[in-house]
Amino acid sequence: MRMNRDSIEWVAVHEAAHAIALYRQIDSAGSVSIVPNRQAETLGHFQDDGSSCSTDPKDVEAHIVSCYAGGHAQRLADPSTGADGCDSDDNEAASLLAQWSWQNREQELRAKSAVLVEKHWTEIEAVARELLILRSLDATEVELIADRTAGDLEANVAVYREGFGTQLDAWRKSMEPS
């Protein structure tokens, strides 16, 4: 699993897009990381807020749209990536579509995802840049970075980190491979 700097950057964009797409639909981002998982042979990881297990159709729809957002964002950042790294996201979306008997909504939800990615591109880029520095961001960090980028001057990730520094450090350490 050797990746060059460009591929790490598009993985960061891919993972950031999952979180931002979910956040802008149901106001809950989930956490993201670009920490290698050698067993799974993956680099990026997005942990949702439980929306994939929800019984609320709005949450499930948001999760499906979020699954597609990673691929849309990575292709926007670098069209040459194609669908690399999107198999598990597409499989998860397909599983949820089948579970909810929404197979006929696939194209609609893919289109909705593409619109969200374009609309919130600056937020995705901001989260991805921070992800490249820290390698893991919790949901609150993602939300604060997105809100600040969108113009909310009261959204201050530095204040949050100051208040939860040791807890965040411990959480980030737990994300690293042992």
N, C-alpha and C. Protein backbone atom coordinates (compact mmCIF):
# COMPACT_ATOMS: atom_id res chain seq x y z
N MET A 1 0.84 -1.17 0.00
CA MET A 1 0.00 0.00 0.00
C MET A 1 0.89 1.24 0.00
N ARG A 2 1.62 1.45 -1.07
CA ARG A 2 2.46 2.63 -1.18
C ARG A 2 1.71 3.65 -2.01
N MET A 3 1.58 4.84 -1.44
CA MET A 3 0.84 5.88 -2.12
C MET A 3 1.70 7.13 -2.23
N ASN A 4 1.57 7.82 -3.34
CA ASN A 4 2.29 9.08 -3.47
C ASN A 4 1.49 10.21 -2.86
N ARG A 5 2.09 11.38 -2.77
CA ARG A 5 1.45 12.53 -2.14
C ARG A 5 0.12 12.88 -2.81
N ASP A 6 0.06 12.80 -4.14
CA ASP A 6 -1.19 13.12 -4.84
C ASP A 6 -2.31 12.19 -4.43
N SER A 7 -2.02 10.88 -4.33
CA SER A 7 -3.07 9.94 -3.97
C SER A 7 -3.52 10.14 -2.53
N ILE A 8 -2.62 10.50 -1.64
CA ILE A 8 -3.00 10.79 -0.26
C ILE A 8 -3.92 12.01 -0.23
N GLU A 9 -3.62 12.99 -1.05
CA GLU A 9 -4.46 14.19 -1.11
C GLU A 9 -5.86 13.87 -1.62
N TRP A 10 -5.98 13.03 -2.65
CA TRP A 10 -7.33 12.74 -3.12
C TRP A 10 -8.08 11.84 -2.15
N VAL A 11 -7.35 11.01 -1.38
CA VAL A 11 -8.02 10.22 -0.34
C VAL A 11 -8.56 11.17 0.74
N ALA A 12 -7.78 12.19 1.10
CA ALA A 12 -8.25 13.16 2.09
C ALA A 12 -9.50 13.89 1.58
N VAL A 13 -9.50 14.26 0.32
CA VAL A 13 -10.67 14.92 -0.29
C VAL A 13 -11.87 13.95 -0.29
N HIS A 14 -11.61 12.72 -0.65
CA HIS A 14 -12.65 11.69 -0.69
C HIS A 14 -13.31 11.54 0.68
N GLU A 15 -12.49 11.37 1.72
CA GLU A 15 -13.03 11.16 3.07
C GLU A 15 -13.73 12.43 3.59
N ALA A 16 -13.14 13.59 3.32
CA ALA A 16 -13.77 14.85 3.74
C ALA A 16 -15.14 15.00 3.11
N ALA A 17 -15.28 14.60 1.86
CA ALA A 17 -16.56 14.73 1.16
C ALA A 17 -17.65 13.87 1.80
N HIS A 18 -17.28 12.67 2.25
CA HIS A 18 -18.27 11.84 2.96
C HIS A 18 -18.84 12.62 4.14
N ALA A 19 -17.94 13.17 4.94
CA ALA A 19 -18.36 13.86 6.17
C ALA A 19 -19.17 15.12 5.87
N ILE A 20 -18.70 15.91 4.93
CA ILE A 20 -19.41 17.16 4.61
C ILE A 20 -20.77 16.88 3.99
N ALA A 21 -20.86 15.91 3.11
CA ALA A 21 -22.16 15.58 2.50
C ALA A 21 -23.16 15.16 3.57
N LEU A 22 -22.72 14.36 4.52
CA LEU A 22 -23.62 13.94 5.59
C LEU A 22 -23.99 15.14 6.46
N TYR A 23 -23.00 15.94 6.82
CA TYR A 23 -23.23 17.09 7.68
C TYR A 23 -24.23 18.07 7.06
N ARG A 24 -24.09 18.34 5.80
CA ARG A 24 -24.96 19.34 5.17
C ARG A 24 -26.37 18.81 4.91
N GLN A 25 -26.58 17.53 5.12
CA GLN A 25 -27.93 16.97 4.98
C GLN A 25 -28.62 16.77 6.33
N ILE A 26 -27.90 16.24 7.32
CA ILE A 26 -28.55 15.92 8.59
C ILE A 26 -27.85 16.53 9.79
N ASP A 27 -26.96 17.49 9.56
CA ASP A 27 -26.34 18.25 10.64
C ASP A 27 -25.49 17.40 11.59
N SER A 28 -24.88 16.36 11.05
CA SER A 28 -23.98 15.51 11.82
C SER A 28 -22.94 14.94 10.87
N ALA A 29 -21.66 15.25 11.13
CA ALA A 29 -20.63 14.93 10.16
C ALA A 29 -20.03 13.54 10.27
N GLY A 30 -19.78 13.05 11.43
CA GLY A 30 -19.00 11.83 11.57
C GLY A 30 -17.51 12.16 11.54
N SER A 31 -16.68 11.20 11.88
CA SER A 31 -15.23 11.41 11.91
C SER A 31 -14.58 10.87 10.65
N VAL A 32 -13.38 11.40 10.35
CA VAL A 32 -12.64 10.97 9.16
C VAL A 32 -11.18 10.77 9.52
N SER A 33 -10.53 9.87 8.78
CA SER A 33 -9.09 9.70 8.97
C SER A 33 -8.44 9.24 7.67
N ILE A 34 -7.16 9.49 7.59
CA ILE A 34 -6.34 8.98 6.49
C ILE A 34 -5.18 8.19 7.09
N VAL A 35 -5.53 7.36 8.05
CA VAL A 35 -4.56 6.50 8.72
C VAL A 35 -4.59 5.14 8.05
N PRO A 36 -3.44 4.63 7.63
CA PRO A 36 -3.43 3.33 6.95
C PRO A 36 -3.97 2.20 7.83
N ASN A 37 -4.79 1.36 7.23
CA ASN A 37 -5.25 0.14 7.87
C ASN A 37 -4.63 -1.00 7.06
N ARG A 38 -3.55 -1.54 7.56
CA ARG A 38 -2.81 -2.54 6.80
C ARG A 38 -3.61 -3.83 6.60
N GLN A 39 -4.42 -4.19 7.57
CA GLN A 39 -5.23 -5.41 7.43
C GLN A 39 -6.24 -5.26 6.31
N ALA A 40 -6.91 -4.13 6.27
CA ALA A 40 -7.93 -3.90 5.24
C ALA A 40 -7.31 -3.36 3.96
N GLU A 41 -6.03 -3.04 4.01
CA GLU A 41 -5.31 -2.45 2.87
C GLU A 41 -6.01 -1.20 2.35
N THR A 42 -6.40 -0.34 3.30
CA THR A 42 -7.03 0.92 2.95
C THR A 42 -6.28 2.06 3.61
N LEU A 43 -6.48 3.24 3.09
CA LEU A 43 -5.87 4.42 3.69
C LEU A 43 -6.90 5.28 4.39
N GLY A 44 -8.00 5.56 3.76
CA GLY A 44 -8.98 6.47 4.35
C GLY A 44 -10.09 5.73 5.08
N HIS A 45 -10.71 6.47 6.00
CA HIS A 45 -11.83 5.89 6.74
C HIS A 45 -12.79 7.01 7.15
N PHE A 46 -14.07 6.75 6.97
CA PHE A 46 -15.13 7.65 7.40
C PHE A 46 -16.03 6.87 8.34
N GLN A 47 -16.27 7.41 9.52
CA GLN A 47 -17.17 6.79 10.49
C GLN A 47 -18.38 7.69 10.65
N ASP A 48 -19.53 7.21 10.21
CA ASP A 48 -20.72 8.05 10.30
C ASP A 48 -21.23 8.11 11.73
N ASP A 49 -22.29 8.82 11.89
CA ASP A 49 -22.91 9.05 13.19
C ASP A 49 -23.97 8.01 13.53
N GLY A 50 -24.06 6.96 12.76
CA GLY A 50 -25.09 5.96 12.95
C GLY A 50 -26.20 6.05 11.92
N SER A 51 -26.07 6.98 10.98
CA SER A 51 -27.14 7.19 10.00
C SER A 51 -27.38 5.95 9.13
N SER A 52 -26.36 5.14 8.92
CA SER A 52 -26.54 3.95 8.09
C SER A 52 -27.39 2.90 8.79
N CYS A 53 -27.48 2.98 10.11
CA CYS A 53 -28.27 2.02 10.89
C CYS A 53 -29.62 2.59 11.30
N SER A 54 -29.88 3.81 10.94
CA SER A 54 -31.10 4.49 11.34
C SER A 54 -32.32 3.87 10.66
N THR A 55 -33.46 4.06 11.28
CA THR A 55 -34.72 3.65 10.66
C THR A 55 -35.45 4.86 10.08
N ASP A 56 -34.82 6.03 10.15
CA ASP A 56 -35.39 7.24 9.59
C ASP A 56 -34.96 7.33 8.12
N PRO A 57 -35.91 7.32 7.19
CA PRO A 57 -35.55 7.38 5.77
C PRO A 57 -34.65 8.57 5.41
N LYS A 58 -34.84 9.70 6.06
CA LYS A 58 -34.01 10.88 5.78
C LYS A 58 -32.54 10.60 6.12
N ASP A 59 -32.29 9.93 7.24
CA ASP A 59 -30.92 9.58 7.63
C ASP A 59 -30.31 8.59 6.66
N VAL A 60 -31.08 7.60 6.26
CA VAL A 60 -30.56 6.59 5.33
C VAL A 60 -30.26 7.21 3.98
N GLU A 61 -31.16 8.06 3.50
CA GLU A 61 -30.91 8.75 2.23
C GLU A 61 -29.63 9.59 2.33
N ALA A 62 -29.46 10.29 3.43
CA ALA A 62 -28.26 11.12 3.62
C ALA A 62 -27.00 10.26 3.62
N HIS A 63 -27.09 9.09 4.23
CA HIS A 63 -25.92 8.21 4.26
C HIS A 63 -25.58 7.71 2.85
N ILE A 64 -26.58 7.35 2.09
CA ILE A 64 -26.34 6.89 0.71
C ILE A 64 -25.70 8.00 -0.11
N VAL A 65 -26.25 9.20 -0.01
CA VAL A 65 -25.69 10.36 -0.73
C VAL A 65 -24.24 10.58 -0.29
N SER A 66 -23.97 10.42 0.99
CA SER A 66 -22.62 10.57 1.51
C SER A 66 -21.68 9.50 0.94
N CYS A 67 -22.18 8.30 0.76
CA CYS A 67 -21.35 7.24 0.17
C CYS A 67 -20.85 7.66 -1.21
N TYR A 68 -21.72 8.25 -2.00
CA TYR A 68 -21.36 8.66 -3.35
C TYR A 68 -20.48 9.91 -3.37
N ALA A 69 -20.54 10.73 -2.33
CA ALA A 69 -19.81 12.00 -2.31
C ALA A 69 -18.30 11.83 -2.41
N GLY A 70 -17.77 10.80 -1.80
CA GLY A 70 -16.32 10.60 -1.86
C GLY A 70 -15.81 10.48 -3.28
N GLY A 71 -16.48 9.67 -4.07
CA GLY A 71 -16.07 9.50 -5.47
C GLY A 71 -16.23 10.76 -6.29
N HIS A 72 -17.34 11.47 -6.08
CA HIS A 72 -17.53 12.73 -6.80
C HIS A 72 -16.40 13.71 -6.47
N ALA A 73 -16.05 13.80 -5.20
CA ALA A 73 -15.02 14.76 -4.79
C ALA A 73 -13.65 14.38 -5.32
N GLN A 74 -13.30 13.11 -5.24
CA GLN A 74 -11.97 12.73 -5.71
C GLN A 74 -11.84 12.95 -7.21
N ARG A 75 -12.92 12.73 -7.97
CA ARG A 75 -12.87 12.98 -9.41
C ARG A 75 -12.85 14.47 -9.72
N LEU A 76 -13.47 15.27 -8.87
CA LEU A 76 -13.41 16.72 -9.04
C LEU A 76 -11.98 17.22 -8.77
N ALA A 77 -11.34 16.64 -7.75
CA ALA A 77 -9.97 17.02 -7.42
C ALA A 77 -8.98 16.51 -8.45
N ASP A 78 -9.20 15.30 -8.97
CA ASP A 78 -8.30 14.69 -9.93
C ASP A 78 -9.09 13.71 -10.80
N PRO A 79 -9.56 14.16 -11.95
CA PRO A 79 -10.39 13.30 -12.81
C PRO A 79 -9.73 11.97 -13.19
N SER A 80 -8.41 11.91 -13.15
CA SER A 80 -7.74 10.67 -13.53
C SER A 80 -7.95 9.54 -12.52
N THR A 81 -8.44 9.85 -11.32
CA THR A 81 -8.64 8.80 -10.31
C THR A 81 -9.81 7.90 -10.66
N GLY A 82 -10.72 8.39 -11.47
CA GLY A 82 -11.87 7.57 -11.83
C GLY A 82 -12.63 7.11 -10.60
N ALA A 83 -12.91 5.82 -10.54
CA ALA A 83 -13.66 5.25 -9.42
C ALA A 83 -12.73 4.51 -8.45
N ASP A 84 -11.42 4.73 -8.55
CA ASP A 84 -10.48 4.07 -7.64
C ASP A 84 -10.88 4.33 -6.20
N GLY A 85 -10.98 3.28 -5.42
CA GLY A 85 -11.28 3.42 -4.01
C GLY A 85 -12.74 3.59 -3.67
N CYS A 86 -13.61 3.48 -4.66
CA CYS A 86 -15.04 3.71 -4.42
C CYS A 86 -15.85 2.42 -4.29
N ASP A 87 -15.22 1.27 -4.47
CA ASP A 87 -15.96 0.01 -4.46
C ASP A 87 -16.75 -0.21 -3.17
N SER A 88 -16.10 -0.03 -2.03
CA SER A 88 -16.80 -0.30 -0.77
C SER A 88 -17.92 0.72 -0.54
N ASP A 89 -17.71 1.97 -0.95
CA ASP A 89 -18.76 2.98 -0.83
C ASP A 89 -19.95 2.63 -1.72
N ASP A 90 -19.67 2.25 -2.96
CA ASP A 90 -20.75 1.88 -3.88
C ASP A 90 -21.49 0.64 -3.38
N ASN A 91 -20.75 -0.32 -2.83
CA ASN A 91 -21.38 -1.53 -2.29
C ASN A 91 -22.27 -1.21 -1.10
N GLU A 92 -21.79 -0.32 -0.24
CA GLU A 92 -22.59 0.07 0.93
C GLU A 92 -23.87 0.79 0.48
N ALA A 93 -23.73 1.69 -0.48
CA ALA A 93 -24.91 2.39 -1.00
C ALA A 93 -25.88 1.40 -1.64
N ALA A 94 -25.36 0.47 -2.43
CA ALA A 94 -26.22 -0.52 -3.10
C ALA A 94 -26.95 -1.39 -2.07
N SER A 95 -26.26 -1.74 -1.01
CA SER A 95 -26.88 -2.54 0.04
C SER A 95 -28.04 -1.79 0.70
N LEU A 96 -27.81 -0.52 1.00
CA LEU A 96 -28.87 0.28 1.62
C LEU A 96 -30.02 0.52 0.64
N LEU A 97 -29.69 0.76 -0.62
CA LEU A 97 -30.75 0.94 -1.63
C LEU A 97 -31.61 -0.32 -1.71
N ALA A 98 -30.99 -1.48 -1.70
CA ALA A 98 -31.74 -2.74 -1.76
C ALA A 98 -32.56 -2.95 -0.49
N GLN A 99 -31.94 -2.67 0.65
CA GLN A 99 -32.63 -2.86 1.94
C GLN A 99 -33.91 -2.02 2.01
N TRP A 100 -33.85 -0.83 1.45
CA TRP A 100 -35.00 0.08 1.50
C TRP A 100 -35.84 0.02 0.22
N SER A 101 -35.52 -0.90 -0.68
CA SER A 101 -36.22 -1.04 -1.97
C SER A 101 -36.20 0.27 -2.76
N TRP A 102 -35.04 0.92 -2.74
CA TRP A 102 -34.86 2.19 -3.43
C TRP A 102 -33.93 2.07 -4.65
N GLN A 103 -33.78 0.89 -5.21
CA GLN A 103 -32.87 0.74 -6.34
C GLN A 103 -33.16 1.73 -7.46
N ASN A 104 -34.43 2.07 -7.64
CA ASN A 104 -34.80 3.02 -8.70
C ASN A 104 -34.37 4.45 -8.37
N ARG A 105 -33.86 4.70 -7.17
CA ARG A 105 -33.43 6.04 -6.76
C ARG A 105 -31.91 6.25 -6.89
N GLU A 106 -31.20 5.23 -7.35
CA GLU A 106 -29.75 5.34 -7.39
C GLU A 106 -29.27 6.58 -8.14
N GLN A 107 -29.73 6.79 -9.35
CA GLN A 107 -29.27 7.93 -10.15
C GLN A 107 -29.66 9.26 -9.51
N GLU A 108 -30.85 9.32 -8.95
CA GLU A 108 -31.31 10.53 -8.25
C GLU A 108 -30.36 10.87 -7.08
N LEU A 109 -30.00 9.86 -6.29
CA LEU A 109 -29.15 10.10 -5.13
C LEU A 109 -27.70 10.38 -5.53
N ARG A 110 -27.24 9.76 -6.61
CA ARG A 110 -25.90 10.09 -7.13
C ARG A 110 -25.87 11.56 -7.58
N ALA A 111 -26.91 11.98 -8.26
CA ALA A 111 -26.98 13.37 -8.73
C ALA A 111 -27.04 14.34 -7.56
N LYS A 112 -27.82 14.01 -6.55
CA LYS A 112 -27.90 14.85 -5.36
C LYS A 112 -26.53 14.97 -4.69
N SER A 113 -25.80 13.87 -4.67
CA SER A 113 -24.45 13.86 -4.10
C SER A 113 -23.52 14.79 -4.88
N ALA A 114 -23.57 14.71 -6.19
CA ALA A 114 -22.71 15.56 -7.02
C ALA A 114 -22.99 17.04 -6.79
N VAL A 115 -24.26 17.39 -6.65
CA VAL A 115 -24.64 18.78 -6.39
C VAL A 115 -24.10 19.22 -5.03
N LEU A 116 -24.24 18.38 -4.02
CA LEU A 116 -23.73 18.72 -2.68
C LEU A 116 -22.21 18.93 -2.69
N VAL A 117 -21.50 18.06 -3.39
CA VAL A 117 -20.04 18.18 -3.45
C VAL A 117 -19.64 19.50 -4.11
N GLU A 118 -20.27 19.83 -5.20
CA GLU A 118 -19.94 21.10 -5.86
C GLU A 118 -20.31 22.30 -4.99
N LYS A 119 -21.47 22.25 -4.37
CA LYS A 119 -21.93 23.36 -3.54
C LYS A 119 -21.03 23.59 -2.33
N HIS A 120 -20.50 22.53 -1.76
CA HIS A 120 -19.71 22.63 -0.52
C HIS A 120 -18.23 22.31 -0.75
N TRP A 121 -17.78 22.55 -1.98
CA TRP A 121 -16.40 22.22 -2.35
C TRP A 121 -15.36 22.91 -1.46
N THR A 122 -15.54 24.16 -1.15
CA THR A 122 -14.55 24.86 -0.32
C THR A 122 -14.48 24.26 1.07
N GLU A 123 -15.60 23.80 1.59
CA GLU A 123 -15.61 23.14 2.90
C GLU A 123 -14.88 21.80 2.83
N ILE A 124 -15.11 21.06 1.77
CA ILE A 124 -14.44 19.78 1.57
C ILE A 124 -12.93 19.99 1.50
N GLU A 125 -12.51 20.99 0.72
CA GLU A 125 -11.08 21.28 0.62
C GLU A 125 -10.49 21.67 1.97
N ALA A 126 -11.19 22.47 2.74
CA ALA A 126 -10.68 22.91 4.05
C ALA A 126 -10.53 21.72 5.00
N VAL A 127 -11.52 20.84 5.03
CA VAL A 127 -11.42 19.66 5.88
C VAL A 127 -10.29 18.75 5.40
N ALA A 128 -10.16 18.58 4.10
CA ALA A 128 -9.09 17.74 3.55
C ALA A 128 -7.71 18.29 3.91
N ARG A 129 -7.53 19.61 3.83
CA ARG A 129 -6.24 20.21 4.19
C ARG A 129 -5.90 19.92 5.65
N GLU A 130 -6.87 20.07 6.51
CA GLU A 130 -6.65 19.80 7.94
C GLU A 130 -6.41 18.32 8.18
N LEU A 131 -7.08 17.49 7.43
CA LEU A 131 -6.90 16.05 7.53
C LEU A 131 -5.48 15.63 7.13
N LEU A 132 -4.93 16.30 6.13
CA LEU A 132 -3.55 16.01 5.72
C LEU A 132 -2.55 16.35 6.83
N ILE A 133 -2.88 17.29 7.67
CA ILE A 133 -2.00 17.68 8.77
C ILE A 133 -2.16 16.75 9.97
N LEU A 134 -3.40 16.53 10.39
CA LEU A 134 -3.65 15.78 11.63
C LEU A 134 -3.95 14.30 11.43
N ARG A 135 -4.29 13.89 10.21
CA ARG A 135 -4.58 12.51 9.83
C ARG A 135 -5.91 11.97 10.33
N SER A 136 -6.46 12.53 11.40
CA SER A 136 -7.78 12.14 11.89
C SER A 136 -8.48 13.37 12.44
N LEU A 137 -9.76 13.50 12.13
CA LEU A 137 -10.58 14.59 12.65
C LEU A 137 -11.86 14.01 13.21
N ASP A 138 -12.24 14.45 14.41
CA ASP A 138 -13.52 13.98 14.94
C ASP A 138 -14.65 14.80 14.31
N ALA A 139 -15.87 14.38 14.58
CA ALA A 139 -17.04 15.00 13.95
C ALA A 139 -17.15 16.49 14.26
N THR A 140 -16.86 16.86 15.50
CA THR A 140 -16.97 18.28 15.87
C THR A 140 -15.94 19.12 15.12
N GLU A 141 -14.74 18.61 14.98
CA GLU A 141 -13.72 19.34 14.21
C GLU A 141 -14.17 19.53 12.77
N VAL A 142 -14.70 18.49 12.16
CA VAL A 142 -15.19 18.59 10.78
C VAL A 142 -16.26 19.66 10.68
N GLU A 143 -17.20 19.63 11.60
CA GLU A 143 -18.31 20.58 11.57
C GLU A 143 -17.82 22.02 11.77
N LEU A 144 -16.91 22.23 12.70
CA LEU A 144 -16.39 23.58 12.95
C LEU A 144 -15.59 24.10 11.77
N ILE A 145 -14.77 23.25 11.18
CA ILE A 145 -13.99 23.66 10.00
C ILE A 145 -14.94 24.03 8.86
N ALA A 146 -15.96 23.20 8.64
CA ALA A 146 -16.92 23.47 7.57
C ALA A 146 -17.69 24.76 7.83
N ASP A 147 -18.16 24.92 9.05
CA ASP A 147 -18.93 26.12 9.37
C ASP A 147 -18.09 27.39 9.24
N ARG A 148 -16.85 27.34 9.71
CA ARG A 148 -15.96 28.51 9.60
C ARG A 148 -15.71 28.84 8.14
N THR A 149 -15.48 27.82 7.34
CA THR A 149 -15.24 28.01 5.90
C THR A 149 -16.47 28.59 5.22
N ALA A 150 -17.64 28.22 5.71
CA ALA A 150 -18.90 28.72 5.14
C ALA A 150 -19.25 30.11 5.66
N GLY A 151 -18.42 30.67 6.54
CA GLY A 151 -18.64 32.05 6.97
C GLY A 151 -19.09 32.25 8.40
N ASP A 152 -19.24 31.19 9.17
CA ASP A 152 -19.64 31.31 10.57
C ASP A 152 -18.41 31.67 11.40
N LEU A 153 -18.27 32.94 11.75
CA LEU A 153 -17.08 33.40 12.48
C LEU A 153 -17.03 32.91 13.92
N GLU A 154 -18.13 32.41 14.42
CA GLU A 154 -18.14 31.86 15.78
C GLU A 154 -17.67 30.41 15.82
N ALA A 155 -17.60 29.75 14.69
CA ALA A 155 -17.12 28.37 14.62
C ALA A 155 -15.60 28.39 14.73
N ASN A 156 -15.08 27.93 15.85
CA ASN A 156 -13.64 28.05 16.11
C ASN A 156 -13.08 26.71 16.56
N VAL A 157 -12.44 26.02 15.64
CA VAL A 157 -11.89 24.71 15.94
C VAL A 157 -10.75 24.81 16.96
N ALA A 158 -10.02 25.91 16.97
CA ALA A 158 -8.92 26.06 17.92
C ALA A 158 -9.44 26.09 19.36
N VAL A 159 -10.54 26.77 19.60
CA VAL A 159 -11.13 26.81 20.94
C VAL A 159 -11.59 25.42 21.35
N TYR A 160 -12.21 24.71 20.43
CA TYR A 160 -12.64 23.34 20.71
C TYR A 160 -11.45 22.46 21.07
N ARG A 161 -10.40 22.56 20.27
CA ARG A 161 -9.22 21.73 20.52
C ARG A 161 -8.55 22.08 21.84
N GLU A 162 -8.58 23.35 22.18
CA GLU A 162 -8.00 23.77 23.45
C GLU A 162 -8.76 23.14 24.62
N GLY A 163 -10.06 23.08 24.51
CA GLY A 163 -10.88 22.52 25.58
C GLY A 163 -10.82 21.00 25.68
N PHE A 164 -10.55 20.34 24.59
CA PHE A 164 -10.56 18.87 24.57
C PHE A 164 -9.22 18.30 24.13
N GLY A 165 -8.16 19.06 24.27
CA GLY A 165 -6.84 18.69 23.76
C GLY A 165 -6.39 17.29 24.12
N THR A 166 -6.37 16.95 25.39
CA THR A 166 -5.86 15.64 25.78
C THR A 166 -6.77 14.52 25.31
N GLN A 167 -8.09 14.76 25.34
CA GLN A 167 -9.01 13.75 24.85
C GLN A 167 -8.86 13.55 23.34
N LEU A 168 -8.70 14.65 22.61
CA LEU A 168 -8.50 14.55 21.16
C LEU A 168 -7.18 13.86 20.84
N ASP A 169 -6.13 14.20 21.59
CA ASP A 169 -4.83 13.55 21.37
C ASP A 169 -4.95 12.04 21.58
N ALA A 170 -5.63 11.64 22.65
CA ALA A 170 -5.80 10.22 22.94
C ALA A 170 -6.63 9.54 21.84
N TRP A 171 -7.68 10.22 21.39
CA TRP A 171 -8.51 9.66 20.32
C TRP A 171 -7.69 9.50 19.04
N ARG A 172 -6.91 10.54 18.68
CA ARG A 172 -6.09 10.45 17.47
C ARG A 172 -5.09 9.30 17.58
N LYS A 173 -4.50 9.16 18.75
CA LYS A 173 -3.53 8.07 18.96
C LYS A 173 -4.22 6.72 18.78
N SER A 174 -5.46 6.61 19.24
CA SER A 174 -6.19 5.33 19.10
C SER A 174 -6.47 5.01 17.64
N MET A 175 -6.46 6.01 16.77
CA MET A 175 -6.71 5.80 15.34
C MET A 175 -5.48 5.28 14.62
N GLU A 176 -4.30 5.47 15.20
CA GLU A 176 -3.06 5.04 14.57
C GLU A 176 -2.92 3.52 14.65
N PRO A 177 -2.29 2.91 13.65
CA PRO A 177 -2.08 1.46 13.71
C PRO A 177 -1.13 1.11 14.85
N SER A 178 -1.38 -0.04 15.47
CA SER A 178 -0.51 -0.44 16.59
C SER A 178 0.68 -1.25 16.14
